Amino acid sequence: EEYGWKLGHADVFRPPPFSPLLLAVACGTGAQLLAMTFLTIAFSAMGFMSPARRGHLLMAELLLFVCMGGLAGYVTARLYKTFKGKSWQKATTLTAVGFPGICFGVFIIMNVIALAKQSTDAVPFVTMLILVVLWFGISTPLVFFGAYFGYKHEAIEFPVNTSSIPRQIPDQPWFMGIPFTMAIGGILPFGSCFVELYYILASVWMDYYYYVFGFLFLVFLILIITCAEITLLFTYFQLCSEDYHWWWRSFANAGSTSAYVFLYSIFYFQQLEANLLATYVLYFGYMALSCLGLFCMMGFVGMSTSLWFNKVIFSSIKID
């Protein structure tokens, strides 16, 4: 007899109703950022990069992000093919220029402000040119290269078939609404890492040295596991309520950790001696950019874990 989550077996793997292209691009970017962050912290924990030389860490991050372009293209292409999308070139181009374009745009604005205030943090023109070469010369071709292999592969196979007529979703209780699940889904992962976040912000904004990369690696793993677990829990409750629109929901539930990080950064800003408008713009501009990256990264963790979970539980049921 079918009950609870089993009732949605003919709809659970239906492509998301809202912009499958955007979800595929966000997941590709999230995978790229996750691989970059994981490798940067791992190499730092092994002692390959000295905290005393800040430039080394930043260069390592940039180069790893550029090199992981192939992974971003592959993940986007594989997901978009699974969603039966037709605008393949658009999806791949968005992955190549979307997040890096936002970062570069914000970076240019921040740099103009820094130059106007004659700050020593202002980046020279030659360095900006090198960044553009890295972006279009290495990262973008790698994204298209990865996407080529992603489209060549078969779409992700699902254990159950999707019906041609969508099932009607019953009215959901208030605690299964998006605002509530995002609020709860973000606070637990944030709680697992906020102590370490204080030291990271102190390192970035107060010029303190950060040495405990081994502990940071452990905290990062705990953050990923907590995001995955809380998203699985909400996805299961959602399917039990016969709501099969879990693709975007799982991405947003895990990604909402970034909203708490941004709120914490507002609280942290009170400790800094800020008396210029430029300080506010620089601080919140860069923090918003970091939180956008964290949203994509944790969103990818939540969505991919939910996909794996749904494939496992629905492969265990017998459909006549």
Protein backbone atom coordinates (compact mmCIF):
# COMPACT_ATOMS: atom_id res chain seq x y z
CA GLU A 1 0.00 0.00 0.00
CA GLU A 2 1.26 3.47 -0.89
CA TYR A 3 1.41 6.16 1.78
CA GLY A 4 3.38 9.33 2.65
CA TRP A 5 6.43 9.84 0.47
CA LYS A 6 5.64 6.82 -1.73
CA LEU A 7 2.59 8.63 -3.17
CA GLY A 8 4.85 11.02 -5.06
CA HIS A 9 6.90 8.37 -6.88
CA ALA A 10 5.60 9.44 -10.32
CA ASP A 11 6.49 13.12 -9.73
CA VAL A 12 9.50 13.18 -7.40
CA PHE A 13 12.07 13.41 -10.24
CA ARG A 14 10.07 15.88 -12.33
CA PRO A 15 12.33 18.82 -13.39
CA PRO A 16 11.93 21.95 -11.23
CA PRO A 17 9.04 24.21 -12.40
CA PHE A 18 11.09 27.39 -11.88
CA SER A 19 14.18 27.92 -14.10
CA PRO A 20 15.97 24.56 -14.32
CA LEU A 21 18.75 26.42 -16.19
CA LEU A 22 19.45 28.72 -13.24
CA LEU A 23 19.51 25.78 -10.81
CA ALA A 24 21.96 23.87 -13.01
CA VAL A 25 24.24 26.95 -13.28
CA ALA A 26 24.05 27.60 -9.50
CA CYS A 27 24.94 23.96 -8.77
CA GLY A 28 27.87 24.07 -11.22
CA THR A 29 29.20 27.23 -9.57
CA GLY A 30 28.63 25.69 -6.13
CA ALA A 31 30.61 22.58 -7.08
CA GLN A 32 33.47 24.75 -8.38
CA LEU A 33 33.58 26.83 -5.18
CA LEU A 34 33.29 23.75 -2.95
CA ALA A 35 36.25 22.06 -4.66
CA MET A 36 38.28 25.29 -4.50
CA THR A 37 37.58 25.83 -0.78
CA PHE A 38 38.19 22.19 0.14
CA LEU A 39 41.56 22.06 -1.66
CA THR A 40 42.69 25.49 -0.38
CA ILE A 41 42.01 24.57 3.27
CA ALA A 42 43.50 21.08 2.80
CA PHE A 43 46.74 22.43 1.27
CA SER A 44 46.97 25.11 4.00
CA ALA A 45 46.42 22.48 6.73
CA MET A 46 49.25 20.37 5.22
CA GLY A 47 51.57 23.37 5.43
CA PHE A 48 51.97 24.19 1.74
CA MET A 49 50.96 27.84 2.29
CA SER A 50 52.32 30.17 4.94
CA PRO A 51 49.74 32.34 6.77
CA ALA A 52 52.43 35.01 7.06
CA ARG A 53 52.27 35.52 3.28
CA ARG A 54 48.68 36.52 2.63
CA GLY A 55 49.17 36.82 -1.11
CA HIS A 56 50.01 33.10 -1.40
CA LEU A 57 46.63 32.07 -0.02
CA LEU A 58 44.75 34.45 -2.31
CA MET A 59 46.70 33.35 -5.40
CA ALA A 60 46.09 29.69 -4.51
CA GLU A 61 42.35 30.34 -4.21
CA LEU A 62 42.22 32.15 -7.55
CA LEU A 63 44.23 29.51 -9.42
CA LEU A 64 42.22 26.63 -7.91
CA PHE A 65 38.95 28.39 -8.80
CA VAL A 66 40.15 28.84 -12.39
CA CYS A 67 41.31 25.21 -12.63
CA MET A 68 37.99 23.91 -11.27
CA GLY A 69 36.13 25.50 -14.22
CA GLY A 70 35.95 22.05 -15.85
CA LEU A 71 34.08 20.67 -12.85
CA ALA A 72 31.58 23.56 -12.96
CA GLY A 73 30.90 22.95 -16.66
CA TYR A 74 30.49 19.20 -16.15
CA VAL A 75 28.04 19.51 -13.21
CA THR A 76 25.95 22.17 -14.99
CA ALA A 77 25.80 20.15 -18.24
CA ARG A 78 24.92 16.86 -16.52
CA LEU A 79 22.14 18.44 -14.44
CA TYR A 80 20.75 20.50 -17.33
CA LYS A 81 20.64 17.41 -19.54
CA THR A 82 18.77 15.59 -16.75
CA PHE A 83 16.26 18.47 -16.64
CA LYS A 84 15.74 17.99 -20.42
CA GLY A 85 16.90 21.55 -21.11
CA LYS A 86 17.46 22.74 -24.67
CA SER A 87 19.49 25.99 -24.23
CA TRP A 88 22.82 24.23 -23.72
CA GLN A 89 25.05 27.05 -24.96
CA LYS A 90 23.23 29.54 -22.73
CA ALA A 91 23.67 27.33 -19.65
CA THR A 92 27.39 26.80 -20.29
CA THR A 93 28.04 30.49 -21.03
CA LEU A 94 26.17 31.52 -17.85
CA THR A 95 28.33 29.12 -15.81
CA ALA A 96 31.51 30.57 -17.35
CA VAL A 97 30.63 34.27 -16.92
CA GLY A 98 27.86 34.39 -14.27
CA PHE A 99 29.50 34.19 -10.83
CA PRO A 100 32.98 35.36 -12.00
CA GLY A 101 31.26 38.29 -13.76
CA ILE A 102 29.43 39.35 -10.59
CA CYS A 103 32.69 39.05 -8.61
CA PHE A 104 34.67 41.04 -11.18
CA GLY A 105 31.98 43.75 -11.42
CA VAL A 106 31.89 44.22 -7.61
CA PHE A 107 35.69 44.06 -7.48
CA ILE A 108 36.03 46.89 -10.04
CA ILE A 109 33.57 49.10 -8.09
CA MET A 110 35.45 48.42 -4.83
CA ASN A 111 38.78 49.14 -6.51
CA VAL A 112 37.53 52.48 -7.90
CA ILE A 113 36.43 53.45 -4.36
CA ALA A 114 39.82 52.35 -2.95
CA LEU A 115 41.66 54.41 -5.62
CA ALA A 116 39.47 57.44 -4.92
CA LYS A 117 40.40 57.24 -1.24
CA GLN A 118 44.08 56.67 -2.16
CA SER A 119 44.05 53.37 -0.27
CA THR A 120 47.09 51.07 -0.28
CA ASP A 121 44.67 48.16 -0.90
CA ALA A 122 43.90 49.42 -4.42
CA VAL A 123 44.81 46.86 -7.10
CA PRO A 124 46.97 48.10 -10.04
CA PHE A 125 45.72 47.91 -13.64
CA VAL A 126 48.20 45.14 -14.65
CA THR A 127 46.82 42.83 -11.93
CA MET A 128 43.27 43.45 -13.19
CA LEU A 129 44.46 42.52 -16.68
CA ILE A 130 45.97 39.26 -15.35
CA LEU A 131 42.62 38.42 -13.72
CA VAL A 132 40.80 38.93 -17.04
CA VAL A 133 43.34 36.68 -18.81
CA LEU A 134 42.86 33.97 -16.14
CA TRP A 135 39.08 34.26 -16.48
CA PHE A 136 38.75 34.21 -20.28
CA GLY A 137 42.00 32.45 -21.12
CA ILE A 138 41.84 29.48 -18.73
CA SER A 139 38.59 29.33 -16.72
CA THR A 140 36.08 29.85 -19.57
CA PRO A 141 37.66 27.27 -21.95
CA LEU A 142 37.78 24.77 -19.06
CA VAL A 143 34.05 25.34 -18.35
CA PHE A 144 33.21 24.60 -22.00
CA PHE A 145 35.56 21.60 -21.96
CA GLY A 146 33.84 20.17 -18.84
CA ALA A 147 30.40 20.92 -20.30
CA TYR A 148 31.30 19.00 -23.47
CA PHE A 149 31.93 15.84 -21.42
CA GLY A 150 28.82 16.51 -19.31
CA TYR A 151 26.59 16.62 -22.39
CA LYS A 152 28.30 13.56 -23.88
CA HIS A 153 27.39 11.53 -20.78
CA GLU A 154 23.96 10.02 -20.30
CA ALA A 155 21.48 11.99 -18.19
CA ILE A 156 21.23 10.96 -14.52
CA GLU A 157 19.11 7.80 -14.34
CA PHE A 158 16.22 7.66 -11.90
CA PRO A 159 14.77 4.50 -10.32
CA VAL A 160 11.14 5.47 -11.08
CA ASN A 161 9.41 6.88 -14.16
CA THR A 162 7.84 10.35 -14.22
CA SER A 163 4.17 10.60 -15.21
CA SER A 164 3.02 12.95 -17.98
CA ILE A 165 0.42 14.68 -15.75
CA PRO A 166 1.70 16.40 -12.57
CA ARG A 167 0.05 15.32 -9.32
CA GLN A 168 -1.82 18.00 -7.36
CA ILE A 169 0.02 19.06 -4.21
CA PRO A 170 -2.22 19.28 -1.09
CA ASP A 171 -2.18 22.35 1.18
CA GLN A 172 0.95 22.41 3.31
CA PRO A 173 1.13 23.23 7.05
CA TRP A 174 2.73 26.59 7.96
CA PHE A 175 5.90 24.97 9.30
CA MET A 176 6.62 23.44 5.88
CA GLY A 177 6.62 26.89 4.21
CA ILE A 178 9.83 28.16 2.60
CA PRO A 179 10.55 30.98 5.16
CA PHE A 180 10.36 28.61 8.14
CA THR A 181 12.42 25.78 6.61
CA MET A 182 15.07 28.26 5.44
CA ALA A 183 15.24 29.87 8.89
CA ILE A 184 15.72 26.51 10.64
CA GLY A 185 17.79 24.97 7.84
CA GLY A 186 20.37 27.74 8.07
CA ILE A 187 20.73 28.23 11.81
CA LEU A 188 22.05 24.75 12.69
CA PRO A 189 24.94 24.70 10.17
CA PHE A 190 25.75 28.31 11.15
CA GLY A 191 25.82 27.25 14.80
CA SER A 192 28.44 24.63 13.96
CA CYS A 193 30.90 27.17 12.51
CA PHE A 194 30.21 30.64 13.93
CA VAL A 195 32.98 30.52 16.56
CA GLU A 196 35.58 29.89 13.84
CA LEU A 197 33.93 32.59 11.71
CA TYR A 198 34.95 35.22 14.29
CA TYR A 199 38.65 34.36 13.84
CA ILE A 200 38.36 34.28 10.05
CA LEU A 201 36.77 37.75 10.00
CA ALA A 202 39.45 39.00 12.41
CA SER A 203 42.11 37.65 10.04
CA VAL A 204 40.53 39.34 7.00
CA TRP A 205 39.52 42.70 8.47
CA MET A 206 41.78 43.19 11.52
CA ASP A 207 45.08 41.95 9.99
CA TYR A 208 45.45 39.12 12.51
CA TYR A 209 47.34 36.00 11.46
CA TYR A 210 45.34 32.80 11.11
CA TYR A 211 47.28 29.59 11.76
CA VAL A 212 44.80 26.82 12.75
CA PHE A 213 43.98 25.50 9.27
CA GLY A 214 43.73 21.91 10.55
CA PHE A 215 40.93 22.91 12.90
CA LEU A 216 39.34 25.01 10.14
CA PHE A 217 39.34 21.92 7.87
CA LEU A 218 37.48 19.99 10.58
CA VAL A 219 34.94 22.82 11.03
CA PHE A 220 34.43 22.97 7.24
CA LEU A 221 33.68 19.23 7.13
CA ILE A 222 31.23 19.60 10.05
CA LEU A 223 29.52 22.48 8.20
CA ILE A 224 29.09 20.33 5.05
CA ILE A 225 27.77 17.33 7.03
CA THR A 226 25.33 19.49 9.05
CA CYS A 227 24.01 21.16 5.87
CA ALA A 228 23.54 17.76 4.22
CA GLU A 229 21.75 16.25 7.24
CA ILE A 230 19.33 19.13 7.85
CA THR A 231 18.45 19.26 4.14
CA LEU A 232 17.79 15.50 4.06
CA LEU A 233 15.47 15.87 7.03
CA PHE A 234 13.44 18.67 5.42
CA THR A 235 13.32 16.89 2.05
CA TYR A 236 11.93 13.76 3.74
CA PHE A 237 9.27 15.77 5.64
CA GLN A 238 8.38 17.56 2.41
CA LEU A 239 7.92 14.30 0.49
CA CYS A 240 5.84 12.89 3.35
CA SER A 241 3.55 15.93 2.91
CA GLU A 242 3.24 14.94 -0.79
CA ASP A 243 5.11 18.04 -1.96
CA TYR A 244 7.54 16.95 -4.69
CA HIS A 245 9.02 20.41 -5.49
CA TRP A 246 12.23 19.66 -3.63
CA TRP A 247 14.91 20.71 -6.13
CA TRP A 248 15.02 24.45 -5.37
CA ARG A 249 13.81 23.95 -1.79
CA SER A 250 16.77 21.71 -0.89
CA PHE A 251 19.17 24.20 -2.51
CA ALA A 252 17.67 27.14 -0.57
CA ASN A 253 17.42 25.30 2.79
CA ALA A 254 21.14 24.51 2.82
CA GLY A 255 22.16 27.81 1.24
CA SER A 256 20.30 29.85 3.86
CA THR A 257 23.35 29.43 6.13
CA SER A 258 24.84 32.34 4.16
CA ALA A 259 22.04 34.67 5.35
CA TYR A 260 23.07 34.01 8.97
CA VAL A 261 26.73 34.59 8.07
CA PHE A 262 25.77 37.97 6.58
CA LEU A 263 23.73 38.88 9.68
CA TYR A 264 26.71 37.91 11.83
CA SER A 265 28.97 40.13 9.68
CA ILE A 266 26.65 43.09 10.46
CA PHE A 267 27.08 42.32 14.18
CA TYR A 268 30.87 41.99 13.73
CA PHE A 269 31.07 45.31 11.85
CA GLN A 270 30.21 47.17 15.07
CA GLN A 271 33.68 46.25 16.41
CA LEU A 272 35.44 47.99 13.52
CA GLU A 273 36.18 51.71 13.72
CA ALA A 274 34.23 52.84 10.68
CA ASN A 275 33.76 56.56 10.03
CA LEU A 276 33.73 56.71 6.23
CA LEU A 277 31.04 55.69 3.74
CA ALA A 278 33.75 53.93 1.69
CA THR A 279 34.45 51.61 4.65
CA TYR A 280 30.79 50.56 4.78
CA VAL A 281 30.67 49.96 1.01
CA LEU A 282 33.92 47.94 0.94
CA TYR A 283 33.05 45.81 3.97
CA PHE A 284 29.46 44.96 3.06
CA GLY A 285 30.27 44.63 -0.65
CA TYR A 286 32.92 41.97 -0.04
CA MET A 287 30.86 40.23 2.67
CA ALA A 288 27.82 40.05 0.36
CA LEU A 289 30.04 38.52 -2.34
CA SER A 290 31.41 35.93 0.12
CA CYS A 291 27.89 35.06 1.27
CA LEU A 292 26.71 34.63 -2.34
CA GLY A 293 29.55 32.15 -2.88
CA LEU A 294 28.65 30.34 0.36
CA PHE A 295 24.99 30.20 -0.75
CA CYS A 296 25.93 28.46 -4.03
CA MET A 297 28.39 26.16 -2.26
CA MET A 298 26.09 24.94 0.54
CA GLY A 299 23.10 24.93 -1.84
CA PHE A 300 24.95 22.47 -4.07
CA VAL A 301 25.71 20.28 -1.03
CA GLY A 302 22.02 20.28 -0.01
CA MET A 303 20.66 19.64 -3.50
CA SER A 304 23.12 16.84 -4.40
CA THR A 305 22.56 15.11 -1.04
CA SER A 306 18.78 15.26 -1.49
CA LEU A 307 19.12 13.87 -5.02
CA TRP A 308 21.18 10.94 -3.73
CA PHE A 309 18.73 10.36 -0.85
CA ASN A 310 15.68 10.35 -3.16
CA LYS A 311 17.35 7.94 -5.56
CA VAL A 312 18.12 5.56 -2.69
CA ILE A 313 14.66 5.55 -1.07
CA PHE A 314 12.70 5.38 -4.35
CA SER A 315 14.86 2.53 -5.68
CA SER A 316 13.65 0.45 -2.70
CA ILE A 317 9.93 0.53 -3.63
CA LYS A 318 8.19 -1.84 -6.05
CA ILE A 319 6.00 -0.15 -8.69
CA ASP A 320 3.46 -2.25 -10.59
